[in-house]
Amino acid sequence: SGNPDGVPCIFLHGGPGGGISPRSRRFFDPAFFRIVIFDQRGSGKSQPNAAEDLQGSLIENNTPKLVEDIEKLREHLKVDKWGMVLGGSWGSTLALAYAEAHPAKVRTLLLRGVFLFEPEEVDYLFAKGGTQGQHPAAWAAYCNYIRDTSDDFESERQNLLGAYWKRLTSDDAATRLAAASAFVGYELSISKTFVEDKIIRECLETPSQLVPFAVMEVSYMLNAGFMSRGQLIAEVGKLSSLERVCISHGRSDFVCQPVSAYRLSEALGKLKVPVDLDFVAAAGHSDTEPGLVSSM
């Protein structure tokens, strides 16, 4: 959509598995940009959707394949070079992975809520209760779902992501939905400065959105994002030709910690890549936070 002759840009949604929405294109000026948005494998209108064909949706669903998909889209649309790649949360991870794989095809990056897929980031969010200090009820609910459905909670509590995966891939549809609801409900409840119950309910009541969000996110978390440890920072030197990187990160983001945005900006700075790092006051993680919207 937007201007067919405008600067080509692409929007990479979060999750993984979060899918796009009509508001995704609203981050761009349609008079200036040629806007490309798409649902990543297994989510939204991408076929098969994990809610309809779980096993099929997981086939070759990994970061290298998603990077390939972006490149195939660029070639199909006859885009010489993306003027901007915008990615938030998991989308920031994918934007970095794509830019490092195809640096000559990207001019600028706009990243929101940076997630580098380091082991400590995954453990903080899903294993060691890093969010408990600010969101004790949300963390308790995340753990209690496993406890209440477990025959051996003392064992399963050592690998909560594995316990969720077991339920998300159950042969029982009701179990899959309940696990997805508990998992996604936890993340959504810590994503905004002011929790909006209506938005959370809408997601939890939409299986085509709920199930891919949970399944893909847990799959990627259990597999280190299908990348080598520390890959994005280790290969940041490949981004030396970027014209600019802009980062908007909520100072009260309890999903993706601000330190990740700082680490990335420092690494890019050593390459002399122009970086605009904006830690947004009174903003959490969600791209619906007014401060983040204004910053981007």
C-alpha atoms as a PDB file:
ATOM      1  CA  SER A   1       0.000   0.000   0.000  1.00  0.00           C
ATOM      2  CA  GLY A   2       1.016   3.657   0.103  1.00  0.00           C
ATOM      3  CA  ASN A   3       2.868   5.368  -2.733  1.00  0.00           C
ATOM      4  CA  PRO A   4       3.833   2.884  -5.507  1.00  0.00           C
ATOM      5  CA  ASP A   5       6.757   5.158  -6.372  1.00  0.00           C
ATOM      6  CA  GLY A   6       7.666   5.910  -2.779  1.00  0.00           C
ATOM      7  CA  VAL A   7      10.557   4.751  -0.612  1.00  0.00           C
ATOM      8  CA  PRO A   8      10.129   0.976  -0.139  1.00  0.00           C
ATOM      9  CA  CYS A   9       9.759  -0.135   3.458  1.00  0.00           C
ATOM     10  CA  ILE A  10       8.777  -3.366   5.175  1.00  0.00           C
ATOM     11  CA  PHE A  11       7.156  -3.984   8.554  1.00  0.00           C
ATOM     12  CA  LEU A  12       8.209  -7.049  10.566  1.00  0.00           C
ATOM     13  CA  HIS A  13       5.732  -8.023  13.282  1.00  0.00           C
ATOM     14  CA  GLY A  14       6.584  -9.368  16.689  1.00  0.00           C
ATOM     15  CA  GLY A  15       6.031 -12.643  18.460  1.00  0.00           C
ATOM     16  CA  PRO A  16       7.223 -14.696  16.700  1.00  0.00           C
ATOM     17  CA  GLY A  17       3.719 -15.522  15.549  1.00  0.00           C
ATOM     18  CA  GLY A  18       2.110 -12.222  16.530  1.00  0.00           C
ATOM     19  CA  GLY A  19       0.835 -11.442  13.040  1.00  0.00           C
ATOM     20  CA  ILE A  20       0.024  -8.097  11.466  1.00  0.00           C
ATOM     21  CA  SER A  21      -3.032  -5.887  11.862  1.00  0.00           C
ATOM     22  CA  PRO A  22      -4.477  -2.984   9.852  1.00  0.00           C
ATOM     23  CA  ARG A  23      -2.674  -0.573  12.170  1.00  0.00           C
ATOM     24  CA  SER A  24       0.727  -1.969  11.145  1.00  0.00           C
ATOM     25  CA  ARG A  25       0.831   0.271   8.067  1.00  0.00           C
ATOM     26  CA  ARG A  26      -0.089   3.350  10.082  1.00  0.00           C
ATOM     27  CA  PHE A  27       3.487   3.773  11.281  1.00  0.00           C
ATOM     28  CA  PHE A  28       4.347   4.940   7.769  1.00  0.00           C
ATOM     29  CA  ASP A  29       3.426   8.052   5.793  1.00  0.00           C
ATOM     30  CA  PRO A  30       1.519   6.574   2.804  1.00  0.00           C
ATOM     31  CA  ALA A  31       2.388   9.571   0.653  1.00  0.00           C
ATOM     32  CA  PHE A  32       6.112   8.987   1.146  1.00  0.00           C
ATOM     33  CA  PHE A  33       6.520   5.222   1.566  1.00  0.00           C
ATOM     34  CA  ARG A  34       5.730   2.151  -0.486  1.00  0.00           C
ATOM     35  CA  ILE A  35       4.518  -0.010   2.406  1.00  0.00           C
ATOM     36  CA  VAL A  36       4.972  -3.783   2.590  1.00  0.00           C
ATOM     37  CA  ILE A  37       3.517  -5.819   5.459  1.00  0.00           C
ATOM     38  CA  PHE A  38       3.144  -9.587   5.695  1.00  0.00           C
ATOM     39  CA  ASP A  39       2.275 -12.362   8.135  1.00  0.00           C
ATOM     40  CA  GLN A  40       5.289 -14.511   8.942  1.00  0.00           C
ATOM     41  CA  ARG A  41       5.121 -18.298   8.648  1.00  0.00           C
ATOM     42  CA  GLY A  42       2.388 -19.946  10.688  1.00  0.00           C
ATOM     43  CA  SER A  43       0.631 -16.726  11.707  1.00  0.00           C
ATOM     44  CA  GLY A  44      -2.224 -14.532  10.539  1.00  0.00           C
ATOM     45  CA  LYS A  45      -3.177 -15.130   6.909  1.00  0.00           C
ATOM     46  CA  SER A  46      -0.013 -17.117   6.219  1.00  0.00           C
ATOM     47  CA  GLN A  47      -0.868 -20.721   5.405  1.00  0.00           C
ATOM     48  CA  PRO A  48      -0.938 -22.994   7.238  1.00  0.00           C
ATOM     49  CA  ASN A  49      -1.918 -21.074  10.364  1.00  0.00           C
ATOM     50  CA  ALA A  50      -0.771 -22.835  13.534  1.00  0.00           C
ATOM     51  CA  ALA A  51      -4.330 -22.827  14.876  1.00  0.00           C
ATOM     52  CA  GLU A  52      -5.475 -24.925  11.908  1.00  0.00           C
ATOM     53  CA  ASP A  53      -2.435 -27.123  11.188  1.00  0.00           C
ATOM     54  CA  LEU A  54       0.024 -27.137  14.058  1.00  0.00           C
ATOM     55  CA  GLN A  55       2.552 -29.581  12.642  1.00  0.00           C
ATOM     56  CA  GLY A  56       2.421 -28.108   9.156  1.00  0.00           C
ATOM     57  CA  SER A  57       2.988 -24.603  10.480  1.00  0.00           C
ATOM     58  CA  LEU A  58       6.208 -25.675  12.197  1.00  0.00           C
ATOM     59  CA  ILE A  59       7.857 -27.138   9.096  1.00  0.00           C
ATOM     60  CA  GLU A  60      10.887 -25.016   8.196  1.00  0.00           C
ATOM     61  CA  ASN A  61       9.642 -22.281  10.489  1.00  0.00           C
ATOM     62  CA  ASN A  62      12.890 -20.747  11.668  1.00  0.00           C
ATOM     63  CA  THR A  63      14.877 -17.526  11.443  1.00  0.00           C
ATOM     64  CA  PRO A  64      16.949 -18.373   8.334  1.00  0.00           C
ATOM     65  CA  LYS A  65      13.748 -19.273   6.461  1.00  0.00           C
ATOM     66  CA  LEU A  66      12.045 -16.046   7.537  1.00  0.00           C
ATOM     67  CA  VAL A  67      15.090 -14.113   6.341  1.00  0.00           C
ATOM     68  CA  GLU A  68      14.767 -15.936   3.014  1.00  0.00           C
ATOM     69  CA  ASP A  69      11.083 -14.995   2.853  1.00  0.00           C
ATOM     70  CA  ILE A  70      11.888 -11.294   3.230  1.00  0.00           C
ATOM     71  CA  GLU A  71      14.494 -11.501   0.487  1.00  0.00           C
ATOM     72  CA  LYS A  72      12.087 -13.345  -1.816  1.00  0.00           C
ATOM     73  CA  LEU A  73       9.489 -10.631  -1.204  1.00  0.00           C
ATOM     74  CA  ARG A  74      12.033  -7.960  -2.108  1.00  0.00           C
ATOM     75  CA  GLU A  75      12.897  -9.748  -5.350  1.00  0.00           C
ATOM     76  CA  HIS A  76       9.253 -10.446  -6.197  1.00  0.00           C
ATOM     77  CA  LEU A  77       8.300  -6.796  -5.692  1.00  0.00           C
ATOM     78  CA  LYS A  78      11.338  -5.659  -7.676  1.00  0.00           C
ATOM     79  CA  VAL A  79      12.652  -3.566  -4.801  1.00  0.00           C
ATOM     80  CA  ASP A  80      16.322  -2.758  -5.308  1.00  0.00           C
ATOM     81  CA  LYS A  81      16.925  -1.855  -1.668  1.00  0.00           C
ATOM     82  CA  TRP A  82      14.656  -1.398   1.346  1.00  0.00           C
ATOM     83  CA  GLY A  83      14.649   2.249   2.338  1.00  0.00           C
ATOM     84  CA  MET A  84      13.550   1.223   5.804  1.00  0.00           C
ATOM     85  CA  VAL A  85      13.041  -2.029   7.686  1.00  0.00           C
ATOM     86  CA  LEU A  86      10.846  -1.517  10.757  1.00  0.00           C
ATOM     87  CA  GLY A  87      10.730  -4.270  13.362  1.00  0.00           C
ATOM     88  CA  GLY A  88       9.512  -4.333  16.951  1.00  0.00           C
ATOM     89  CA  SER A  89      10.289  -6.882  19.677  1.00  0.00           C
ATOM     90  CA  TRP A  90      10.841 -10.164  17.800  1.00  0.00           C
ATOM     91  CA  GLY A  91      10.530  -8.029  14.671  1.00  0.00           C
ATOM     92  CA  SER A  92      13.674  -6.164  15.753  1.00  0.00           C
ATOM     93  CA  THR A  93      15.490  -9.505  16.020  1.00  0.00           C
ATOM     94  CA  LEU A  94      14.369 -10.498  12.541  1.00  0.00           C
ATOM     95  CA  ALA A  95      15.232  -7.057  11.127  1.00  0.00           C
ATOM     96  CA  LEU A  96      18.781  -7.379  12.448  1.00  0.00           C
ATOM     97  CA  ALA A  97      19.120 -10.962  11.197  1.00  0.00           C
ATOM     98  CA  TYR A  98      17.912  -9.925   7.745  1.00  0.00           C
ATOM     99  CA  ALA A  99      20.148  -6.852   7.582  1.00  0.00           C
ATOM    100  CA  GLU A 100      23.174  -8.897   8.628  1.00  0.00           C
ATOM    101  CA  ALA A 101      22.392 -11.497   5.955  1.00  0.00           C
ATOM    102  CA  HIS A 102      21.706  -8.914   3.220  1.00  0.00           C
ATOM    103  CA  PRO A 103      23.387  -5.646   4.248  1.00  0.00           C
ATOM    104  CA  ALA A 104      23.510  -4.326   0.682  1.00  0.00           C
ATOM    105  CA  LYS A 105      19.697  -4.457   0.512  1.00  0.00           C
ATOM    106  CA  VAL A 106      18.938  -2.217   3.511  1.00  0.00           C
ATOM    107  CA  ARG A 107      19.431   1.521   3.920  1.00  0.00           C
ATOM    108  CA  THR A 108      18.021   2.150   7.408  1.00  0.00           C
ATOM    109  CA  LEU A 109      16.570   0.254  10.367  1.00  0.00           C
ATOM    110  CA  LEU A 110      13.872   1.445  12.765  1.00  0.00           C
ATOM    111  CA  LEU A 111      13.745  -0.848  15.786  1.00  0.00           C
ATOM    112  CA  ARG A 112      11.287  -0.829  18.676  1.00  0.00           C
ATOM    113  CA  GLY A 113      11.839  -2.855  21.846  1.00  0.00           C
ATOM    114  CA  VAL A 114      15.140  -4.514  20.918  1.00  0.00           C
ATOM    115  CA  PHE A 115      15.471  -8.256  21.605  1.00  0.00           C
ATOM    116  CA  LEU A 116      18.863  -9.807  20.808  1.00  0.00           C
ATOM    117  CA  PHE A 117      17.866 -13.383  21.691  1.00  0.00           C
ATOM    118  CA  GLU A 118      20.650 -13.766  24.230  1.00  0.00           C
ATOM    119  CA  PRO A 119      20.131 -16.629  26.732  1.00  0.00           C
ATOM    120  CA  GLU A 120      19.777 -14.206  29.644  1.00  0.00           C
ATOM    121  CA  GLU A 121      16.943 -12.379  27.854  1.00  0.00           C
ATOM    122  CA  VAL A 122      14.995 -15.623  27.413  1.00  0.00           C
ATOM    123  CA  ASP A 123      15.683 -16.737  30.993  1.00  0.00           C
ATOM    124  CA  TYR A 124      14.692 -13.347  32.412  1.00  0.00           C
ATOM    125  CA  LEU A 125      11.345 -13.397  30.660  1.00  0.00           C
ATOM    126  CA  PHE A 126      10.289 -17.045  30.740  1.00  0.00           C
ATOM    127  CA  ALA A 127      12.436 -19.064  33.140  1.00  0.00           C
ATOM    128  CA  LYS A 128      13.857 -17.175  36.108  1.00  0.00           C
ATOM    129  CA  GLY A 129      11.071 -14.788  37.000  1.00  0.00           C
ATOM    130  CA  GLY A 130      12.848 -11.590  36.019  1.00  0.00           C
ATOM    131  CA  THR A 131       9.520  -9.812  35.619  1.00  0.00           C
ATOM    132  CA  GLN A 132       8.287 -10.883  39.051  1.00  0.00           C
ATOM    133  CA  GLY A 133       9.478  -7.750  40.822  1.00  0.00           C
ATOM    134  CA  GLN A 134       7.295  -5.439  38.716  1.00  0.00           C
ATOM    135  CA  HIS A 135       4.521  -7.887  37.760  1.00  0.00           C
ATOM    136  CA  PRO A 136       4.201 -10.441  40.568  1.00  0.00           C
ATOM    137  CA  ALA A 137       0.613 -11.464  39.757  1.00  0.00           C
ATOM    138  CA  ALA A 138       1.400 -12.007  36.076  1.00  0.00           C
ATOM    139  CA  TRP A 139       4.436 -14.178  36.863  1.00  0.00           C
ATOM    140  CA  ALA A 140       2.452 -16.150  39.439  1.00  0.00           C
ATOM    141  CA  ALA A 141      -0.310 -16.828  36.899  1.00  0.00           C
ATOM    142  CA  TYR A 142       2.279 -17.924  34.319  1.00  0.00           C
ATOM    143  CA  CYS A 143       3.737 -20.453  36.767  1.00  0.00           C
ATOM    144  CA  ASN A 144       0.441 -21.491  38.317  1.00  0.00           C
ATOM    145  CA  TYR A 145      -1.007 -22.707  35.031  1.00  0.00           C
ATOM    146  CA  ILE A 146       1.773 -25.282  34.821  1.00  0.00           C
ATOM    147  CA  ARG A 147       1.476 -26.137  38.496  1.00  0.00           C
ATOM    148  CA  ASP A 148      -2.278 -26.661  38.231  1.00  0.00           C
ATOM    149  CA  THR A 149      -1.967 -28.945  35.196  1.00  0.00           C
ATOM    150  CA  SER A 150       1.138 -30.867  36.245  1.00  0.00           C
ATOM    151  CA  ASP A 151       1.672 -34.308  37.729  1.00  0.00           C
ATOM    152  CA  ASP A 152       5.204 -33.308  38.743  1.00  0.00           C
ATOM    153  CA  PHE A 153       5.504 -29.573  39.172  1.00  0.00           C
ATOM    154  CA  GLU A 154       8.839 -29.743  40.996  1.00  0.00           C
ATOM    155  CA  SER A 155      10.334 -31.216  37.840  1.00  0.00           C
ATOM    156  CA  GLU A 156       8.456 -29.082  35.330  1.00  0.00           C
ATOM    157  CA  ARG A 157       9.191 -25.824  37.100  1.00  0.00           C
ATOM    158  CA  GLN A 158      12.857 -26.331  36.113  1.00  0.00           C
ATOM    159  CA  ASN A 159      11.865 -25.927  32.456  1.00  0.00           C
ATOM    160  CA  LEU A 160       8.702 -23.852  32.231  1.00  0.00           C
ATOM    161  CA  LEU A 161       9.079 -23.251  28.491  1.00  0.00           C
ATOM    162  CA  GLY A 162       9.349 -27.001  27.940  1.00  0.00           C
ATOM    163  CA  ALA A 163       6.264 -27.535  30.075  1.00  0.00           C
ATOM    164  CA  TYR A 164       4.311 -25.018  28.000  1.00  0.00           C
ATOM    165  CA  TRP A 165       5.544 -26.658  24.793  1.00  0.00           C
ATOM    166  CA  LYS A 166       4.275 -30.036  25.975  1.00  0.00           C
ATOM    167  CA  ARG A 167       0.792 -28.566  26.435  1.00  0.00           C
ATOM    168  CA  LEU A 168       0.844 -26.398  23.307  1.00  0.00           C
ATOM    169  CA  THR A 169       1.549 -29.487  21.212  1.00  0.00           C
ATOM    170  CA  SER A 170      -0.934 -31.749  23.021  1.00  0.00           C
ATOM    171  CA  ASP A 171      -3.319 -33.926  21.016  1.00  0.00           C
ATOM    172  CA  ASP A 172      -6.138 -32.291  22.993  1.00  0.00           C
ATOM    173  CA  ALA A 173      -7.391 -29.043  21.430  1.00  0.00           C
ATOM    174  CA  ALA A 174      -8.698 -27.695  24.731  1.00  0.00           C
ATOM    175  CA  THR A 175      -5.312 -28.188  26.349  1.00  0.00           C
ATOM    176  CA  ARG A 176      -3.589 -26.365  23.496  1.00  0.00           C
ATOM    177  CA  LEU A 177      -5.933 -23.404  23.765  1.00  0.00           C
ATOM    178  CA  ALA A 178      -5.649 -23.211  27.550  1.00  0.00           C
ATOM    179  CA  ALA A 179      -1.845 -23.268  27.377  1.00  0.00           C
ATOM    180  CA  ALA A 180      -1.819 -20.617  24.661  1.00  0.00           C
ATOM    181  CA  SER A 181      -4.149 -18.421  26.701  1.00  0.00           C
ATOM    182  CA  ALA A 182      -1.984 -18.689  29.817  1.00  0.00           C
ATOM    183  CA  PHE A 183       1.253 -18.033  27.930  1.00  0.00           C
ATOM    184  CA  VAL A 184       0.057 -15.102  25.817  1.00  0.00           C
ATOM    185  CA  GLY A 185      -1.968 -13.682  28.701  1.00  0.00           C
ATOM    186  CA  TYR A 186       1.221 -13.430  30.747  1.00  0.00           C
ATOM    187  CA  GLU A 187       3.128 -11.545  28.068  1.00  0.00           C
ATOM    188  CA  LEU A 188       0.294  -9.176  27.191  1.00  0.00           C
ATOM    189  CA  SER A 189      -0.273  -8.344  30.852  1.00  0.00           C
ATOM    190  CA  ILE A 190       3.302  -7.041  31.227  1.00  0.00           C
ATOM    191  CA  SER A 191       3.517  -5.263  27.862  1.00  0.00           C
ATOM    192  CA  LYS A 192       1.827  -1.949  28.627  1.00  0.00           C
ATOM    193  CA  THR A 193       2.224   0.739  31.241  1.00  0.00           C
ATOM    194  CA  PHE A 194      -1.545   0.673  31.699  1.00  0.00           C
ATOM    195  CA  VAL A 195      -2.990  -2.797  31.160  1.00  0.00           C
ATOM    196  CA  GLU A 196      -6.011  -2.832  28.831  1.00  0.00           C
ATOM    197  CA  ASP A 197      -8.121  -5.869  29.669  1.00  0.00           C
ATOM    198  CA  LYS A 198     -10.272  -5.428  26.551  1.00  0.00           C
ATOM    199  CA  ILE A 199      -7.287  -5.790  24.205  1.00  0.00           C
ATOM    200  CA  ILE A 200      -6.045  -8.844  26.097  1.00  0.00           C
ATOM    201  CA  ARG A 201      -9.493 -10.468  25.942  1.00  0.00           C
ATOM    202  CA  GLU A 202      -9.787  -9.848  22.198  1.00  0.00           C
ATOM    203  CA  CYS A 203      -6.506 -11.655  21.585  1.00  0.00           C
ATOM    204  CA  LEU A 204      -7.294 -14.528  23.928  1.00  0.00           C
ATOM    205  CA  GLU A 205     -10.671 -15.034  22.243  1.00  0.00           C
ATOM    206  CA  THR A 206      -9.196 -15.232  18.713  1.00  0.00           C
ATOM    207  CA  PRO A 207      -7.568 -18.663  18.200  1.00  0.00           C
ATOM    208  CA  SER A 208      -6.063 -17.742  14.804  1.00  0.00           C
ATOM    209  CA  GLN A 209      -4.091 -15.027  16.598  1.00  0.00           C
ATOM    210  CA  LEU A 210      -3.647 -16.640  20.009  1.00  0.00           C
ATOM    211  CA  VAL A 211      -2.302 -20.077  19.031  1.00  0.00           C
ATOM    212  CA  PRO A 212       0.388 -18.938  16.539  1.00  0.00           C
ATOM    213  CA  PHE A 213       1.575 -16.311  19.015  1.00  0.00           C
ATOM    214  CA  ALA A 214       2.114 -18.920  21.742  1.00  0.00           C
ATOM    215  CA  VAL A 215       3.341 -21.830  19.609  1.00  0.00           C
ATOM    216  CA  MET A 216       5.839 -19.879  17.545  1.00  0.00           C
ATOM    217  CA  GLU A 217       7.176 -17.893  20.457  1.00  0.00           C
ATOM    218  CA  VAL A 218       7.803 -20.968  22.598  1.00  0.00           C
ATOM    219  CA  SER A 219       9.296 -22.838  19.638  1.00  0.00           C
ATOM    220  CA  TYR A 220      11.762 -20.035  18.962  1.00  0.00           C
ATOM    221  CA  MET A 221      12.566 -19.508  22.654  1.00  0.00           C
ATOM    222  CA  LEU A 222      13.367 -23.194  23.115  1.00  0.00           C
ATOM    223  CA  ASN A 223      15.644 -23.124  20.051  1.00  0.00           C
ATOM    224  CA  ALA A 224      17.579 -19.939  20.826  1.00  0.00           C
ATOM    225  CA  GLY A 225      15.848 -18.166  17.950  1.00  0.00           C
ATOM    226  CA  PHE A 226      17.416 -20.668  15.554  1.00  0.00           C
ATOM    227  CA  MET A 227      20.625 -18.651  15.726  1.00  0.00           C
ATOM    228  CA  SER A 228      24.029 -19.222  17.262  1.00  0.00           C
ATOM    229  CA  ARG A 229      24.590 -17.808  20.719  1.00  0.00           C
ATOM    230  CA  GLY A 230      25.277 -14.066  20.559  1.00  0.00           C
ATOM    231  CA  GLN A 231      24.950 -14.075  16.774  1.00  0.00           C
ATOM    232  CA  LEU A 232      23.395 -10.656  16.300  1.00  0.00           C
ATOM    233  CA  ILE A 233      26.070  -8.779  18.236  1.00  0.00           C
ATOM    234  CA  ALA A 234      28.871 -11.020  16.956  1.00  0.00           C
ATOM    235  CA  GLU A 235      27.938 -10.209  13.345  1.00  0.00           C
ATOM    236  CA  VAL A 236      27.048  -6.562  13.848  1.00  0.00           C
ATOM    237  CA  GLY A 237      30.095  -5.591  11.764  1.00  0.00           C
ATOM    238  CA  LYS A 238      28.100  -6.558   8.677  1.00  0.00           C
ATOM    239  CA  LEU A 239      25.897  -3.506   9.305  1.00  0.00           C
ATOM    240  CA  SER A 240      28.673  -0.946   8.795  1.00  0.00           C
ATOM    241  CA  SER A 241      27.149   0.251   5.510  1.00  0.00           C
ATOM    242  CA  LEU A 242      23.782   1.216   7.029  1.00  0.00           C
ATOM    243  CA  GLU A 243      22.908   4.880   6.633  1.00  0.00           C
ATOM    244  CA  ARG A 244      21.198   5.080  10.033  1.00  0.00           C
ATOM    245  CA  VAL A 245      19.664   2.970  12.793  1.00  0.00           C
ATOM    246  CA  CYS A 246      16.876   4.437  14.924  1.00  0.00           C
ATOM    247  CA  ILE A 247      15.882   2.693  18.157  1.00  0.00           C
ATOM    248  CA  SER A 248      12.774   3.445  20.216  1.00  0.00           C
ATOM    249  CA  HIS A 249      12.661   1.556  23.497  1.00  0.00           C
ATOM    250  CA  GLY A 250      10.296   2.026  26.422  1.00  0.00           C
ATOM    251  CA  ARG A 251      12.160   2.800  29.609  1.00  0.00           C
ATOM    252  CA  SER A 252       9.533   0.726  31.419  1.00  0.00           C
ATOM    253  CA  ASP A 253       9.705  -2.183  28.978  1.00  0.00           C
ATOM    254  CA  PHE A 254       9.572  -5.355  31.075  1.00  0.00           C
ATOM    255  CA  VAL A 255       9.418  -7.713  28.075  1.00  0.00           C
ATOM    256  CA  CYS A 256      12.557  -6.571  26.243  1.00  0.00           C
ATOM    257  CA  GLN A 257      14.991  -4.969  28.651  1.00  0.00           C
ATOM    258  CA  PRO A 258      16.413  -1.527  27.741  1.00  0.00           C
ATOM    259  CA  VAL A 259      19.955  -2.831  28.212  1.00  0.00           C
ATOM    260  CA  SER A 260      19.630  -4.745  24.932  1.00  0.00           C
ATOM    261  CA  ALA A 261      18.942  -1.532  23.025  1.00  0.00           C
ATOM    262  CA  TYR A 262      21.924   0.098  24.733  1.00  0.00           C
ATOM    263  CA  ARG A 263      24.242  -2.821  23.883  1.00  0.00           C
ATOM    264  CA  LEU A 264      23.197  -2.681  20.243  1.00  0.00           C
ATOM    265  CA  SER A 265      23.648   1.080  20.016  1.00  0.00           C
ATOM    266  CA  GLU A 266      27.126   0.828  21.542  1.00  0.00           C
ATOM    267  CA  ALA A 267      28.138  -1.916  19.093  1.00  0.00           C
ATOM    268  CA  LEU A 268      26.851   0.097  16.141  1.00  0.00           C
ATOM    269  CA  GLY A 269      28.530   3.232  17.419  1.00  0.00           C
ATOM    270  CA  LYS A 270      31.916   1.516  17.252  1.00  0.00           C
ATOM    271  CA  LEU A 271      31.259   0.995  13.534  1.00  0.00           C
ATOM    272  CA  LYS A 272      30.518   4.727  13.123  1.00  0.00           C
ATOM    273  CA  VAL A 273      26.953   3.894  12.069  1.00  0.00           C
ATOM    274  CA  PRO A 274      24.705   6.856  12.949  1.00  0.00           C
ATOM    275  CA  VAL A 275      22.389   5.722  15.768  1.00  0.00           C
ATOM    276  CA  ASP A 276      19.413   7.521  17.268  1.00  0.00           C
ATOM    277  CA  LEU A 277      18.598   5.817  20.582  1.00  0.00           C
ATOM    278  CA  ASP A 278      15.452   7.042  22.312  1.00  0.00           C
ATOM    279  CA  PHE A 279      14.585   5.619  25.720  1.00  0.00           C
ATOM    280  CA  VAL A 280      10.958   6.665  25.999  1.00  0.00           C
ATOM    281  CA  ALA A 281       9.768   7.723  29.446  1.00  0.00           C
ATOM    282  CA  ALA A 282       6.445   6.322  30.720  1.00  0.00           C
ATOM    283  CA  ALA A 283       6.336   3.692  27.964  1.00  0.00           C
ATOM    284  CA  GLY A 284       6.340  -0.073  28.186  1.00  0.00           C
ATOM    285  CA  HIS A 285       6.776  -2.646  25.426  1.00  0.00           C
ATOM    286  CA  SER A 286       3.684  -2.532  23.221  1.00  0.00           C
ATOM    287  CA  ASP A 287       3.741  -0.577  19.971  1.00  0.00           C
ATOM    288  CA  THR A 288       0.391   0.900  21.024  1.00  0.00           C
ATOM    289  CA  GLU A 289       2.103   2.911  23.787  1.00  0.00           C
ATOM    290  CA  PRO A 290       1.597   6.590  22.827  1.00  0.00           C
ATOM    291  CA  GLY A 291       5.176   7.545  23.650  1.00  0.00           C
ATOM    292  CA  LEU A 292       6.601   4.783  21.463  1.00  0.00           C
ATOM    293  CA  VAL A 293       4.272   5.672  18.603  1.00  0.00           C
ATOM    294  CA  SER A 294       5.444   9.297  18.774  1.00  0.00           C
ATOM    295  CA  SER A 295       9.086   8.253  19.005  1.00  0.00           C
ATOM    296  CA  MET A 296       8.890   5.996  15.976  1.00  0.00           C
END
